[in-house]
N, C-alpha and C. Protein backbone atom coordinates (compact mmCIF):
# COMPACT_ATOMS: atom_id res chain seq x y z
N MET A 1 20.01 -28.88 -28.70
CA MET A 1 19.57 -27.88 -28.16
C MET A 1 17.72 -28.10 -28.08
N THR A 2 17.74 -28.24 -26.27
CA THR A 2 16.10 -28.54 -26.57
C THR A 2 15.35 -27.45 -27.10
N VAL A 3 13.89 -27.97 -26.96
CA VAL A 3 12.82 -27.27 -27.50
C VAL A 3 12.67 -26.01 -26.57
N LYS A 4 12.72 -26.28 -25.40
CA LYS A 4 12.31 -24.84 -24.20
C LYS A 4 13.65 -23.97 -24.98
N GLU A 5 15.24 -24.31 -25.20
CA GLU A 5 15.95 -23.51 -25.27
C GLU A 5 16.05 -22.58 -26.44
N GLN A 6 15.27 -22.92 -27.26
CA GLN A 6 15.42 -22.20 -28.37
C GLN A 6 14.41 -21.30 -28.79
N PRO A 7 13.52 -21.00 -27.70
CA PRO A 7 12.73 -19.63 -27.76
C PRO A 7 13.19 -18.57 -26.88
N LEU A 8 13.92 -19.22 -25.69
CA LEU A 8 14.80 -18.10 -24.76
C LEU A 8 16.13 -17.65 -26.00
N ARG A 9 16.90 -18.20 -26.10
CA ARG A 9 18.05 -17.97 -26.84
C ARG A 9 17.78 -17.05 -28.40
N LEU A 10 16.17 -17.75 -29.28
CA LEU A 10 15.52 -16.33 -29.73
C LEU A 10 15.30 -15.06 -29.24
N LEU A 11 14.79 -15.05 -27.85
CA LEU A 11 14.46 -13.74 -27.58
C LEU A 11 15.55 -13.24 -26.98
N ALA A 12 16.54 -13.93 -26.39
CA ALA A 12 17.79 -13.09 -26.47
C ALA A 12 18.50 -12.18 -27.10
N ALA A 13 18.32 -13.19 -28.30
CA ALA A 13 19.35 -12.48 -29.41
C ALA A 13 18.92 -11.09 -29.73
N SER A 14 16.77 -11.11 -29.65
CA SER A 14 16.30 -9.69 -29.69
C SER A 14 15.89 -9.00 -28.59
N TRP A 15 17.11 -8.64 -27.76
CA TRP A 15 16.89 -8.16 -26.74
C TRP A 15 16.25 -6.38 -27.23
N ARG A 16 17.21 -6.07 -28.04
CA ARG A 16 17.28 -4.54 -28.62
C ARG A 16 15.66 -4.64 -28.92
N VAL A 17 14.99 -5.59 -29.99
CA VAL A 17 13.34 -5.72 -30.15
C VAL A 17 12.53 -5.20 -29.32
N LEU A 18 13.26 -6.36 -27.97
CA LEU A 18 12.20 -6.55 -26.33
C LEU A 18 12.40 -5.22 -25.68
N ALA A 19 13.59 -4.41 -25.85
CA ALA A 19 13.50 -3.18 -24.90
C ALA A 19 13.01 -2.26 -25.70
N GLY A 20 12.80 -2.10 -27.12
CA GLY A 20 12.64 -1.08 -27.88
C GLY A 20 10.92 -1.18 -27.71
N PHE A 21 10.20 -2.60 -27.86
CA PHE A 21 8.55 -2.75 -27.51
C PHE A 21 7.99 -2.22 -26.06
N THR A 22 9.34 -2.44 -25.03
CA THR A 22 9.10 -2.32 -23.92
C THR A 22 9.09 -0.69 -23.10
N ILE A 23 9.72 0.26 -23.84
CA ILE A 23 9.99 1.38 -23.49
C ILE A 23 9.22 2.40 -24.82
N LEU A 24 8.74 1.55 -25.72
CA LEU A 24 7.02 2.42 -26.47
C LEU A 24 6.32 2.30 -25.87
N GLY A 25 5.70 0.81 -25.46
CA GLY A 25 4.93 0.54 -24.15
C GLY A 25 4.67 1.44 -23.60
N SER A 26 5.80 1.68 -22.15
CA SER A 26 5.89 2.68 -21.86
C SER A 26 5.71 4.27 -21.39
N VAL A 27 6.16 4.73 -22.56
CA VAL A 27 5.57 5.83 -23.43
C VAL A 27 4.38 6.30 -23.84
N LEU A 28 4.21 5.39 -24.42
CA LEU A 28 2.03 5.17 -24.97
C LEU A 28 1.61 5.49 -23.10
N GLY A 29 1.99 4.64 -22.41
CA GLY A 29 1.45 4.63 -20.95
C GLY A 29 1.42 5.95 -20.36
N LEU A 30 2.16 6.61 -20.86
CA LEU A 30 2.91 7.73 -19.78
C LEU A 30 1.98 8.72 -20.89
N ALA A 31 1.52 8.78 -21.93
CA ALA A 31 1.11 9.81 -23.00
C ALA A 31 -0.36 9.60 -22.74
N LEU A 32 -1.17 8.78 -22.89
CA LEU A 32 -2.28 8.27 -22.04
C LEU A 32 -2.61 8.99 -20.86
N SER A 33 -1.69 8.77 -19.60
CA SER A 33 -2.07 9.34 -18.63
C SER A 33 -1.97 10.79 -18.41
N LEU A 34 -1.43 11.50 -19.59
CA LEU A 34 -1.60 12.92 -19.03
C LEU A 34 -2.85 13.16 -20.13
N LEU A 35 -3.74 12.65 -21.08
CA LEU A 35 -4.95 12.96 -21.45
C LEU A 35 -6.16 13.26 -20.37
N GLN A 36 -5.88 12.62 -19.44
CA GLN A 36 -6.71 11.79 -18.18
C GLN A 36 -6.30 13.51 -17.07
N PRO A 37 -7.53 13.98 -17.00
CA PRO A 37 -7.58 14.69 -15.56
C PRO A 37 -6.65 14.71 -14.25
N LEU A 38 -6.01 15.83 -14.19
CA LEU A 38 -4.98 15.63 -13.11
C LEU A 38 -5.80 15.81 -11.50
N GLN A 39 -5.89 14.69 -10.80
CA GLN A 39 -6.84 15.46 -9.43
C GLN A 39 -5.97 14.66 -8.44
N TYR A 40 -6.09 15.90 -7.50
CA TYR A 40 -5.70 15.45 -5.85
C TYR A 40 -6.71 14.38 -5.01
N ALA A 41 -6.20 14.26 -4.02
CA ALA A 41 -6.54 12.98 -3.24
C ALA A 41 -6.87 13.62 -1.81
N SER A 42 -8.22 13.70 -1.11
CA SER A 42 -8.14 13.40 0.11
C SER A 42 -8.75 12.98 0.88
N THR A 43 -8.26 12.06 1.72
CA THR A 43 -8.19 10.75 2.75
C THR A 43 -8.66 11.20 3.80
N VAL A 44 -9.50 10.36 4.85
CA VAL A 44 -9.84 10.39 5.71
C VAL A 44 -10.24 8.91 6.43
N ARG A 45 -9.98 8.60 7.75
CA ARG A 45 -10.25 7.67 7.87
C ARG A 45 -11.31 7.39 9.13
N VAL A 46 -12.56 6.40 9.24
CA VAL A 46 -13.15 6.49 10.46
C VAL A 46 -13.14 5.36 10.92
N LEU A 47 -13.81 4.97 12.02
CA LEU A 47 -13.40 4.05 13.25
C LEU A 47 -14.84 3.44 13.12
N ILE A 48 -15.47 2.59 12.59
CA ILE A 48 -17.12 1.93 13.59
C ILE A 48 -16.69 0.64 14.68
N THR A 49 -17.38 1.47 15.15
CA THR A 49 -17.76 0.95 16.36
C THR A 49 -19.41 0.25 17.28
N GLN A 50 -19.51 -0.06 17.89
CA GLN A 50 -20.84 -0.71 18.13
C GLN A 50 -20.95 -0.28 20.28
N PRO A 51 -20.91 0.74 20.87
CA PRO A 51 -19.88 0.66 21.94
C PRO A 51 -21.66 0.15 22.95
N GLY A 52 -22.67 0.72 22.49
CA GLY A 52 -23.58 -0.24 23.14
C GLY A 52 -24.40 -1.49 23.03
N ALA A 53 -23.60 -1.98 22.10
CA ALA A 53 -23.78 -3.60 22.03
C ALA A 53 -23.75 -4.07 23.27
N VAL A 54 -24.59 -5.25 23.74
CA VAL A 54 -24.62 -6.01 25.21
C VAL A 54 -24.78 -7.26 24.68
N GLY A 55 -24.28 -8.25 25.21
CA GLY A 55 -25.01 -9.69 24.85
C GLY A 55 -23.80 -10.63 23.59
N LEU A 56 -22.77 -10.01 22.87
CA LEU A 56 -22.09 -10.26 22.19
C LEU A 56 -20.97 -10.30 22.75
N ASP A 57 -20.21 -11.67 21.90
CA ASP A 57 -18.61 -11.37 21.86
C ASP A 57 -18.13 -10.31 20.86
N ALA A 58 -16.98 -10.58 21.13
CA ALA A 58 -15.84 -9.39 20.64
C ALA A 58 -15.80 -10.15 19.23
N PHE A 59 -15.92 -11.23 18.71
CA PHE A 59 -15.96 -12.13 17.48
C PHE A 59 -17.03 -11.27 16.63
N THR A 60 -18.02 -11.28 17.31
CA THR A 60 -19.35 -11.19 16.42
C THR A 60 -19.50 -9.92 16.73
N ILE A 61 -19.18 -9.20 17.14
CA ILE A 61 -19.40 -7.56 17.14
C ILE A 61 -18.19 -7.02 16.10
N GLN A 62 -17.23 -8.17 16.11
CA GLN A 62 -16.19 -7.20 15.16
C GLN A 62 -16.50 -7.73 13.52
N LYS A 63 -17.38 -8.40 13.78
CA LYS A 63 -17.54 -9.25 11.65
C LYS A 63 -19.04 -8.34 11.64
N SER A 64 -19.66 -8.17 12.95
CA SER A 64 -20.78 -7.39 12.42
C SER A 64 -20.39 -5.72 11.65
N ASN A 65 -19.31 -4.70 12.72
CA ASN A 65 -18.55 -4.15 12.02
C ASN A 65 -18.18 -4.19 10.59
N GLU A 66 -17.17 -4.91 10.62
CA GLU A 66 -16.82 -5.05 8.77
C GLU A 66 -18.31 -5.10 7.84
N ARG A 67 -19.22 -5.75 8.40
CA ARG A 67 -20.42 -6.02 7.73
C ARG A 67 -21.58 -4.22 7.40
N ILE A 68 -21.27 -3.48 8.42
CA ILE A 68 -21.48 -2.30 8.42
C ILE A 68 -20.73 -2.05 7.22
N ALA A 69 -19.31 -1.62 7.87
CA ALA A 69 -18.43 -0.84 6.68
C ALA A 69 -18.54 -1.21 5.68
N GLN A 70 -19.35 -2.52 4.73
CA GLN A 70 -19.26 -2.62 3.60
C GLN A 70 -20.37 -2.43 3.21
N ASN A 71 -21.86 -2.20 3.97
CA ASN A 71 -22.94 -1.50 3.90
C ASN A 71 -22.98 -0.16 3.52
N LEU A 72 -22.31 0.36 4.53
CA LEU A 72 -22.18 1.68 4.56
C LEU A 72 -21.32 2.18 3.24
N SER A 73 -20.21 1.93 2.89
CA SER A 73 -19.18 1.71 1.91
C SER A 73 -20.64 1.92 0.29
N GLN A 74 -21.19 1.21 0.62
CA GLN A 74 -22.21 0.95 -0.96
C GLN A 74 -23.43 2.22 -0.73
N LEU A 75 -23.56 2.16 0.59
CA LEU A 75 -24.00 3.46 0.67
C LEU A 75 -23.65 4.69 0.13
N LEU A 76 -22.49 4.96 0.51
CA LEU A 76 -22.24 6.19 0.20
C LEU A 76 -22.19 6.65 -1.18
N LEU A 77 -22.40 5.31 -2.53
CA LEU A 77 -22.36 5.36 -3.73
C LEU A 77 -23.73 6.33 -4.15
N THR A 78 -24.77 6.06 -3.34
CA THR A 78 -25.96 6.50 -3.62
C THR A 78 -26.37 7.86 -4.19
N SER A 79 -27.47 7.66 -4.74
CA SER A 79 -27.83 8.79 -5.27
C SER A 79 -27.98 9.98 -3.39
N THR A 80 -28.83 9.43 -2.98
CA THR A 80 -29.54 9.91 -1.61
C THR A 80 -28.53 10.98 -1.17
N PHE A 81 -27.33 9.95 -0.69
CA PHE A 81 -25.94 10.23 0.14
C PHE A 81 -25.35 11.36 -0.74
N PHE A 82 -25.21 11.32 -1.66
CA PHE A 82 -24.24 12.22 -3.08
C PHE A 82 -25.14 13.46 -2.38
N GLU A 83 -26.58 13.71 -2.62
CA GLU A 83 -27.00 14.85 -2.89
C GLU A 83 -27.10 15.53 -1.38
N ASN A 84 -26.91 14.63 -0.21
CA ASN A 84 -26.58 15.28 1.19
C ASN A 84 -25.45 15.79 1.31
N ILE A 85 -24.58 14.96 0.87
CA ILE A 85 -22.90 15.52 0.90
C ILE A 85 -22.99 16.89 0.51
N LEU A 86 -23.69 16.92 -0.69
CA LEU A 86 -23.41 18.82 -1.98
C LEU A 86 -23.57 19.33 -0.86
N ALA A 87 -24.97 18.74 0.19
CA ALA A 87 -26.12 20.13 0.45
C ALA A 87 -24.96 20.51 2.11
N GLN A 88 -24.46 19.98 2.63
CA GLN A 88 -23.56 20.22 3.65
C GLN A 88 -21.75 20.42 3.28
N ALA A 89 -21.27 20.29 2.07
CA ALA A 89 -20.41 20.27 1.55
C ALA A 89 -19.57 22.09 1.77
N GLN A 90 -19.01 22.33 2.69
CA GLN A 90 -18.86 23.95 2.56
C GLN A 90 -18.04 23.98 1.68
N GLY A 91 -17.99 25.16 1.35
CA GLY A 91 -17.41 25.97 0.27
C GLY A 91 -17.00 25.00 -1.52
N PHE A 92 -17.96 24.38 -1.41
CA PHE A 92 -17.46 23.16 -2.58
C PHE A 92 -18.49 23.74 -3.75
N ASN A 93 -17.66 23.99 -5.01
CA ASN A 93 -18.31 24.39 -6.56
C ASN A 93 -19.73 23.25 -6.78
N THR A 94 -20.97 23.43 -6.00
CA THR A 94 -21.40 22.35 -6.55
C THR A 94 -21.70 22.13 -8.75
N GLU A 95 -21.77 23.25 -8.87
CA GLU A 95 -21.61 23.01 -10.34
C GLU A 95 -20.59 22.25 -11.26
N TYR A 96 -19.72 21.73 -10.18
CA TYR A 96 -18.47 20.51 -10.71
C TYR A 96 -18.91 19.38 -11.21
N PHE A 97 -20.10 19.17 -10.84
CA PHE A 97 -21.02 17.55 -11.07
C PHE A 97 -21.81 18.51 -11.86
N PRO A 98 -22.24 17.74 -13.40
CA PRO A 98 -22.93 17.93 -14.45
C PRO A 98 -24.43 17.55 -13.76
N ALA A 99 -25.34 18.61 -14.43
CA ALA A 99 -26.94 18.72 -14.31
C ALA A 99 -27.50 16.93 -14.63
N ASP A 100 -27.09 16.19 -16.23
CA ASP A 100 -27.09 15.28 -16.60
C ASP A 100 -27.13 14.37 -15.25
N GLU A 101 -28.28 13.10 -14.68
CA GLU A 101 -28.34 12.70 -13.60
C GLU A 101 -27.38 11.10 -14.12
N TYR A 102 -27.06 10.80 -15.37
CA TYR A 102 -25.91 9.28 -15.52
C TYR A 102 -25.10 9.94 -15.33
N GLU A 103 -24.50 11.26 -15.93
CA GLU A 103 -23.05 11.67 -15.55
C GLU A 103 -22.88 11.99 -14.62
N ARG A 104 -23.96 12.45 -13.85
CA ARG A 104 -23.70 13.17 -12.48
C ARG A 104 -23.39 12.18 -11.62
N ARG A 105 -24.18 10.70 -11.60
CA ARG A 105 -23.54 9.65 -10.77
C ARG A 105 -22.40 9.22 -11.42
N ARG A 106 -22.36 8.89 -12.52
CA ARG A 106 -21.68 8.71 -12.78
C ARG A 106 -19.48 9.34 -12.60
N LEU A 107 -19.94 10.48 -12.68
CA LEU A 107 -18.66 11.55 -12.13
C LEU A 107 -18.83 10.88 -10.62
N TRP A 108 -20.00 11.13 -9.69
CA TRP A 108 -19.78 10.81 -8.27
C TRP A 108 -19.06 9.83 -7.84
N GLN A 109 -19.32 8.29 -8.76
CA GLN A 109 -18.76 6.88 -8.69
C GLN A 109 -16.76 7.04 -8.65
N GLU A 110 -16.87 7.93 -9.60
CA GLU A 110 -15.26 8.24 -10.33
C GLU A 110 -14.99 8.97 -9.38
N SER A 111 -15.82 9.58 -8.75
CA SER A 111 -14.58 10.80 -7.77
C SER A 111 -14.34 10.41 -6.43
N VAL A 112 -14.93 9.17 -5.93
CA VAL A 112 -14.59 8.68 -4.08
C VAL A 112 -14.58 6.93 -4.50
N ALA A 113 -13.62 6.59 -3.61
CA ALA A 113 -13.08 5.64 -3.24
C ALA A 113 -13.16 5.08 -1.68
N ILE A 114 -13.52 4.03 -1.91
CA ILE A 114 -13.45 3.22 -0.23
C ILE A 114 -12.59 2.09 -0.13
N ALA A 115 -12.32 2.14 0.74
CA ALA A 115 -11.12 0.90 1.22
C ALA A 115 -11.33 0.38 3.00
N LEU A 116 -11.39 -0.84 3.15
CA LEU A 116 -11.86 -1.54 4.69
C LEU A 116 -10.54 -2.26 4.89
N GLU A 117 -10.00 -1.99 6.06
CA GLU A 117 -9.36 -2.81 6.64
C GLU A 117 -10.11 -3.68 7.40
N SER A 118 -9.74 -5.24 6.89
CA SER A 118 -10.54 -6.46 7.24
C SER A 118 -9.89 -6.41 8.68
N GLY A 119 -11.06 -6.61 9.94
CA GLY A 119 -10.47 -7.42 11.42
C GLY A 119 -10.33 -5.96 11.73
N SER A 120 -10.50 -5.04 11.32
CA SER A 120 -10.05 -3.59 12.34
C SER A 120 -11.94 -2.76 12.69
N GLY A 121 -12.37 -2.78 11.67
CA GLY A 121 -13.50 -1.90 11.68
C GLY A 121 -13.56 -0.12 11.20
N LEU A 122 -12.12 -0.26 10.45
CA LEU A 122 -11.82 0.74 10.00
C LEU A 122 -11.93 0.75 8.82
N MET A 123 -12.35 1.92 8.16
CA MET A 123 -12.88 2.48 7.35
C MET A 123 -12.23 3.73 6.70
N GLN A 124 -11.40 3.44 4.70
CA GLN A 124 -10.80 4.88 4.16
C GLN A 124 -11.68 5.18 3.67
N VAL A 125 -12.22 6.47 3.71
CA VAL A 125 -12.97 7.39 2.24
C VAL A 125 -11.91 8.29 1.76
N THR A 126 -11.58 8.22 -0.01
CA THR A 126 -10.81 9.17 -0.27
C THR A 126 -11.94 9.74 -1.60
N VAL A 127 -12.00 10.58 -1.90
CA VAL A 127 -12.07 11.74 -2.87
C VAL A 127 -11.37 12.43 -3.81
N TYR A 128 -11.73 12.21 -5.01
CA TYR A 128 -10.43 12.70 -5.77
C TYR A 128 -11.03 14.13 -6.84
N HIS A 129 -10.05 15.28 -6.56
CA HIS A 129 -10.89 16.55 -7.05
C HIS A 129 -9.58 17.68 -8.02
N GLY A 130 -9.74 18.07 -9.01
CA GLY A 130 -8.52 18.57 -9.55
C GLY A 130 -8.10 19.71 -8.63
N ASN A 131 -8.93 20.01 -7.32
CA ASN A 131 -8.27 20.86 -6.36
C ASN A 131 -8.49 20.14 -5.15
N ALA A 132 -7.56 20.40 -4.61
CA ALA A 132 -7.13 19.89 -3.12
C ALA A 132 -8.28 19.91 -2.14
N ASP A 133 -8.57 21.53 -2.09
CA ASP A 133 -9.51 22.02 -0.81
C ASP A 133 -10.91 21.70 -1.12
N GLN A 134 -11.63 21.48 -2.26
CA GLN A 134 -12.17 21.13 -2.99
C GLN A 134 -12.51 19.34 -2.93
N ALA A 135 -11.27 18.75 -2.77
CA ALA A 135 -11.95 17.78 -2.50
C ALA A 135 -11.44 17.42 -0.79
N LYS A 136 -11.14 17.89 -0.31
CA LYS A 136 -11.16 18.10 1.67
C LYS A 136 -12.33 18.19 1.71
N ALA A 137 -13.07 19.00 1.19
CA ALA A 137 -14.72 19.98 1.74
C ALA A 137 -15.42 18.46 1.16
N LEU A 138 -15.34 17.87 0.05
CA LEU A 138 -16.25 17.24 -0.16
C LEU A 138 -15.61 15.73 0.74
N VAL A 139 -14.89 15.19 0.94
CA VAL A 139 -14.74 14.41 1.78
C VAL A 139 -14.68 14.43 3.50
N LEU A 140 -14.59 15.69 3.71
CA LEU A 140 -15.36 15.97 4.99
C LEU A 140 -16.96 15.56 5.36
N ALA A 141 -17.83 16.13 4.26
CA ALA A 141 -18.95 16.15 4.00
C ALA A 141 -19.55 14.77 4.34
N ALA A 142 -18.36 13.85 3.39
CA ALA A 142 -18.79 12.56 3.34
C ALA A 142 -18.94 11.73 4.79
N THR A 143 -17.86 11.73 4.95
CA THR A 143 -17.61 10.58 6.55
C THR A 143 -18.92 11.62 7.58
N ASN A 144 -18.99 12.85 7.51
CA ASN A 144 -19.70 13.68 8.31
C ASN A 144 -21.18 12.76 8.08
N GLU A 145 -21.64 12.78 6.56
CA GLU A 145 -22.98 12.04 6.56
C GLU A 145 -22.86 10.38 7.01
N LEU A 146 -21.71 9.62 6.96
CA LEU A 146 -21.26 8.38 7.23
C LEU A 146 -22.01 8.52 8.54
N ALA A 147 -21.43 9.50 9.39
CA ALA A 147 -21.36 9.26 11.18
C ALA A 147 -22.60 9.91 11.37
N LYS A 148 -23.76 10.57 10.52
CA LYS A 148 -25.08 10.99 10.50
C LYS A 148 -26.31 9.93 10.43
N GLN A 149 -26.01 9.11 9.09
CA GLN A 149 -26.86 8.12 9.00
C GLN A 149 -26.49 6.61 9.51
N ALA A 150 -25.22 6.50 9.93
CA ALA A 150 -25.34 5.02 10.58
C ALA A 150 -26.35 4.61 11.17
N PRO A 151 -26.52 5.07 12.59
CA PRO A 151 -27.46 4.59 13.47
C PRO A 151 -28.81 4.68 12.96
N ASN A 152 -29.31 5.89 11.80
CA ASN A 152 -30.45 5.37 11.35
C ASN A 152 -31.09 4.29 10.49
N TYR A 153 -29.47 3.74 9.78
CA TYR A 153 -29.81 2.23 8.70
C TYR A 153 -29.51 1.28 9.77
N PHE A 154 -28.58 1.23 10.36
CA PHE A 154 -28.40 -0.10 11.69
C PHE A 154 -28.48 -0.34 12.93
N GLY A 155 -29.06 1.07 13.55
CA GLY A 155 -29.39 0.66 15.11
C GLY A 155 -28.18 2.37 15.55
N SER A 156 -29.06 2.36 16.86
CA SER A 156 -28.63 3.36 17.65
C SER A 156 -27.05 3.07 18.57
N ALA A 157 -27.04 1.17 18.26
CA ALA A 157 -25.58 1.15 19.11
C ALA A 157 -24.33 1.65 18.05
N VAL A 158 -24.70 1.74 16.77
CA VAL A 158 -23.67 1.98 15.30
C VAL A 158 -23.15 3.01 15.64
N ARG A 159 -21.95 3.24 16.33
CA ARG A 159 -21.19 4.35 16.41
C ARG A 159 -20.05 4.96 15.12
N VAL A 160 -20.05 5.77 14.22
CA VAL A 160 -19.12 6.08 13.51
C VAL A 160 -18.25 7.27 13.70
N GLN A 161 -16.74 7.26 13.87
CA GLN A 161 -16.14 8.42 14.55
C GLN A 161 -15.03 8.50 13.32
N VAL A 162 -14.49 9.46 13.22
CA VAL A 162 -13.41 9.89 12.85
C VAL A 162 -12.12 10.19 13.01
N ILE A 163 -11.43 8.96 12.52
CA ILE A 163 -10.08 9.04 13.48
C ILE A 163 -8.51 9.71 13.18
N ASP A 164 -8.64 10.26 11.76
CA ASP A 164 -7.76 10.60 10.94
C ASP A 164 -8.24 11.70 10.37
N ALA A 165 -7.82 13.16 10.67
CA ALA A 165 -8.37 14.23 10.05
C ALA A 165 -7.97 13.91 8.50
N PRO A 166 -9.06 15.03 7.73
CA PRO A 166 -8.77 15.13 5.94
C PRO A 166 -7.02 14.98 5.84
N LEU A 167 -6.47 14.27 4.96
CA LEU A 167 -4.87 14.28 4.68
C LEU A 167 -4.77 14.49 2.85
N ASN A 168 -4.21 15.74 2.49
CA ASN A 168 -4.42 15.94 0.81
C ASN A 168 -3.43 15.32 0.41
N SER A 169 -3.13 15.22 -0.71
CA SER A 169 -1.96 14.01 -1.43
C SER A 169 -1.58 15.30 -2.14
N ARG A 170 0.05 15.14 -2.34
CA ARG A 170 1.00 16.49 -1.87
C ARG A 170 1.20 16.67 -3.30
N TRP A 171 1.33 15.62 -3.98
CA TRP A 171 1.16 15.61 -5.88
C TRP A 171 -0.34 14.73 -6.39
N TYR A 172 -0.87 15.16 -7.81
CA TYR A 172 -1.74 14.75 -8.20
C TYR A 172 -1.46 13.01 -7.65
N ALA A 173 -2.47 12.95 -7.36
CA ALA A 173 -3.48 11.10 -7.38
C ALA A 173 -3.52 10.47 -8.59
N LYS A 174 -4.43 11.10 -9.44
CA LYS A 174 -4.76 10.73 -10.58
C LYS A 174 -4.44 11.03 -11.78
N PRO A 175 -4.31 11.14 -12.85
CA PRO A 175 -3.86 9.71 -12.54
C PRO A 175 -2.20 9.17 -12.11
N ASN A 176 -2.12 7.79 -11.80
CA ASN A 176 -0.79 7.22 -11.47
C ASN A 176 0.00 6.90 -12.76
N PHE A 177 0.78 8.09 -12.87
CA PHE A 177 2.36 8.10 -14.01
C PHE A 177 2.68 6.92 -13.77
N LEU A 178 3.17 6.36 -12.91
CA LEU A 178 4.04 5.05 -12.66
C LEU A 178 3.37 3.34 -12.52
N ASN A 179 2.29 3.66 -12.12
CA ASN A 179 1.56 2.58 -12.59
C ASN A 179 1.24 2.57 -14.00
N ASN A 180 0.95 3.31 -14.63
CA ASN A 180 0.19 3.05 -16.02
C ASN A 180 1.98 3.16 -16.94
N ALA A 181 2.64 3.78 -16.33
CA ALA A 181 3.98 3.42 -17.39
C ALA A 181 4.76 1.85 -17.23
N PHE A 182 4.19 1.24 -15.86
CA PHE A 182 4.62 -0.24 -15.85
C PHE A 182 3.87 -1.10 -16.57
N TYR A 183 2.43 -0.64 -16.47
CA TYR A 183 1.60 -1.36 -17.15
C TYR A 183 1.91 -1.61 -18.92
N GLY A 184 2.45 -0.41 -19.70
CA GLY A 184 2.13 0.07 -20.58
C GLY A 184 3.63 -0.76 -21.00
N ALA A 185 4.91 -0.62 -19.94
CA ALA A 185 5.80 -1.45 -20.23
C ALA A 185 5.47 -2.94 -20.26
N ALA A 186 4.57 -3.60 -19.30
CA ALA A 186 4.32 -5.25 -19.30
C ALA A 186 3.75 -5.14 -20.82
N VAL A 187 2.86 -4.01 -21.00
CA VAL A 187 2.12 -4.75 -22.17
C VAL A 187 2.67 -4.79 -23.52
N GLY A 188 3.94 -3.17 -23.66
CA GLY A 188 5.03 -3.62 -24.69
C GLY A 188 6.01 -4.85 -24.98
N PHE A 189 6.53 -5.39 -23.93
CA PHE A 189 7.17 -6.53 -23.70
C PHE A 189 6.42 -7.61 -24.57
N MET A 190 5.48 -8.11 -24.06
CA MET A 190 4.58 -9.30 -24.51
C MET A 190 4.17 -9.10 -25.96
N LEU A 191 3.84 -7.98 -26.46
CA LEU A 191 3.45 -7.40 -27.67
C LEU A 191 5.39 -7.72 -28.56
N GLY A 192 6.26 -7.32 -27.63
CA GLY A 192 7.55 -7.18 -28.48
C GLY A 192 7.87 -9.38 -28.51
N ILE A 193 7.74 -9.75 -27.32
CA ILE A 193 7.58 -11.50 -27.92
C ILE A 193 6.70 -11.81 -28.80
N ILE A 194 5.59 -11.50 -28.64
CA ILE A 194 4.46 -11.58 -30.10
C ILE A 194 5.36 -11.46 -31.13
N TRP A 195 5.39 -10.47 -31.63
CA TRP A 195 6.04 -9.76 -32.55
C TRP A 195 7.28 -10.71 -33.36
N ILE A 196 7.95 -10.87 -32.03
CA ILE A 196 9.66 -11.56 -32.39
C ILE A 196 9.14 -12.77 -32.81
N ILE A 197 8.20 -14.05 -32.19
CA ILE A 197 7.68 -15.14 -32.57
C ILE A 197 7.26 -15.32 -33.45
N THR A 198 6.42 -14.38 -34.16
CA THR A 198 5.56 -14.22 -35.61
C THR A 198 6.75 -14.03 -36.40
N ARG A 199 7.55 -13.09 -36.21
CA ARG A 199 8.25 -13.00 -37.37
C ARG A 199 9.54 -14.17 -37.94
N LYS A 200 9.76 -14.95 -36.93
CA LYS A 200 10.55 -15.91 -36.62
C LYS A 200 9.58 -17.21 -37.29
N HIS A 201 8.25 -17.36 -37.50
CA HIS A 201 7.80 -18.21 -38.40
C HIS A 201 7.80 -17.71 -39.50
N GLU A 202 7.68 -16.35 -40.15
CA GLU A 202 7.61 -15.98 -41.23
C GLU A 202 8.80 -16.08 -41.78
């Protein structure tokens, strides 16, 4: 028997232990998910263009749009943008965000997610909240603020246009129960291997 075959045979003989650790890890992952607040997601897609740009080739404009999208994604997380968004979010309960500035900024950064599509100038803005309507109000205000402020930061040639209306998740988007259960199972499986090998050496 080779050196490589012995550990594999040991693991195969201890499959019940591995299965137990895997199931236990998955259950713990789900349990930890239940400790987190349940939140819906509301998503809007915007397109960044420069229709007024002259003298530039298409590739340069495309790269410029990508860079602008990256900068906007960072600006969206700033306190200045955040306060402007809150001021124009119709029907949003502003008391949701705490008065303490550190906690206020932390919650805002946890509540918004930005995804950029390379080579397209498309940006997806997602806001998470325990109430789907509140998430929709906030993501609408966020994209409106982006459209209004983009020319001020990057020039009048830049245009940010909403191309997809807000889409609310049908079920809770956070936490992701399937992902947490999968990662818990993976961790449990690895711990099971370590436990089996350790016991064998003992």
